[in-house]
Amino acid sequence: MDVRFFVVGHGRSGTQWLARALNCDPTVNVHHEPLA
């Protein structure tokens, strides 16, 4: 799954979901933190 497209598509709700579902992946933090 492309994290960047998911966050952009779902906005803040998607960002929260990503933080919980994929918080174990440091690369996810790099993508979702500035978009949050």
Protein backbone atom coordinates (compact mmCIF):
# COMPACT_ATOMS: atom_id res chain seq x y z
CA MET A 1 0.00 0.00 0.00
CA ASP A 2 1.29 3.45 -0.86
CA VAL A 3 1.25 5.35 2.41
CA ARG A 4 1.41 8.75 0.75
CA PHE A 5 -1.65 8.18 -1.43
CA PHE A 6 -3.57 6.72 1.50
CA VAL A 7 -2.89 9.71 3.75
CA VAL A 8 -3.77 12.24 1.05
CA GLY A 9 -6.96 10.38 0.18
CA HIS A 10 -8.26 9.98 3.72
CA GLY A 11 -6.92 13.19 5.29
CA ARG A 12 -6.51 13.37 9.07
CA SER A 13 -8.60 10.25 9.69
CA GLY A 14 -6.29 8.27 7.41
CA THR A 15 -3.28 9.68 9.20
CA GLN A 16 -4.56 8.50 12.59
CA TRP A 17 -5.30 5.06 11.18
CA LEU A 18 -1.84 4.83 9.66
CA ALA A 19 -0.19 5.89 12.90
CA ARG A 20 -1.95 3.04 14.70
CA ALA A 21 -1.78 0.36 12.00
CA LEU A 22 1.79 0.93 10.80
CA ASN A 23 3.46 2.72 13.73
CA CYS A 24 6.12 -0.02 13.74
CA ASP A 25 7.46 1.22 10.39
CA PRO A 26 9.80 4.25 10.76
CA THR A 27 9.31 5.17 7.09
CA VAL A 28 5.59 5.69 7.76
CA ASN A 29 6.37 8.32 10.38
CA VAL A 30 8.43 10.24 7.82
CA HIS A 31 5.47 10.35 5.42
CA HIS A 32 2.53 10.94 7.76
CA GLU A 33 4.06 13.37 10.27
CA PRO A 34 4.29 16.44 7.93
CA LEU A 35 0.92 15.61 6.37
CA ALA A 36 -0.76 15.44 9.78
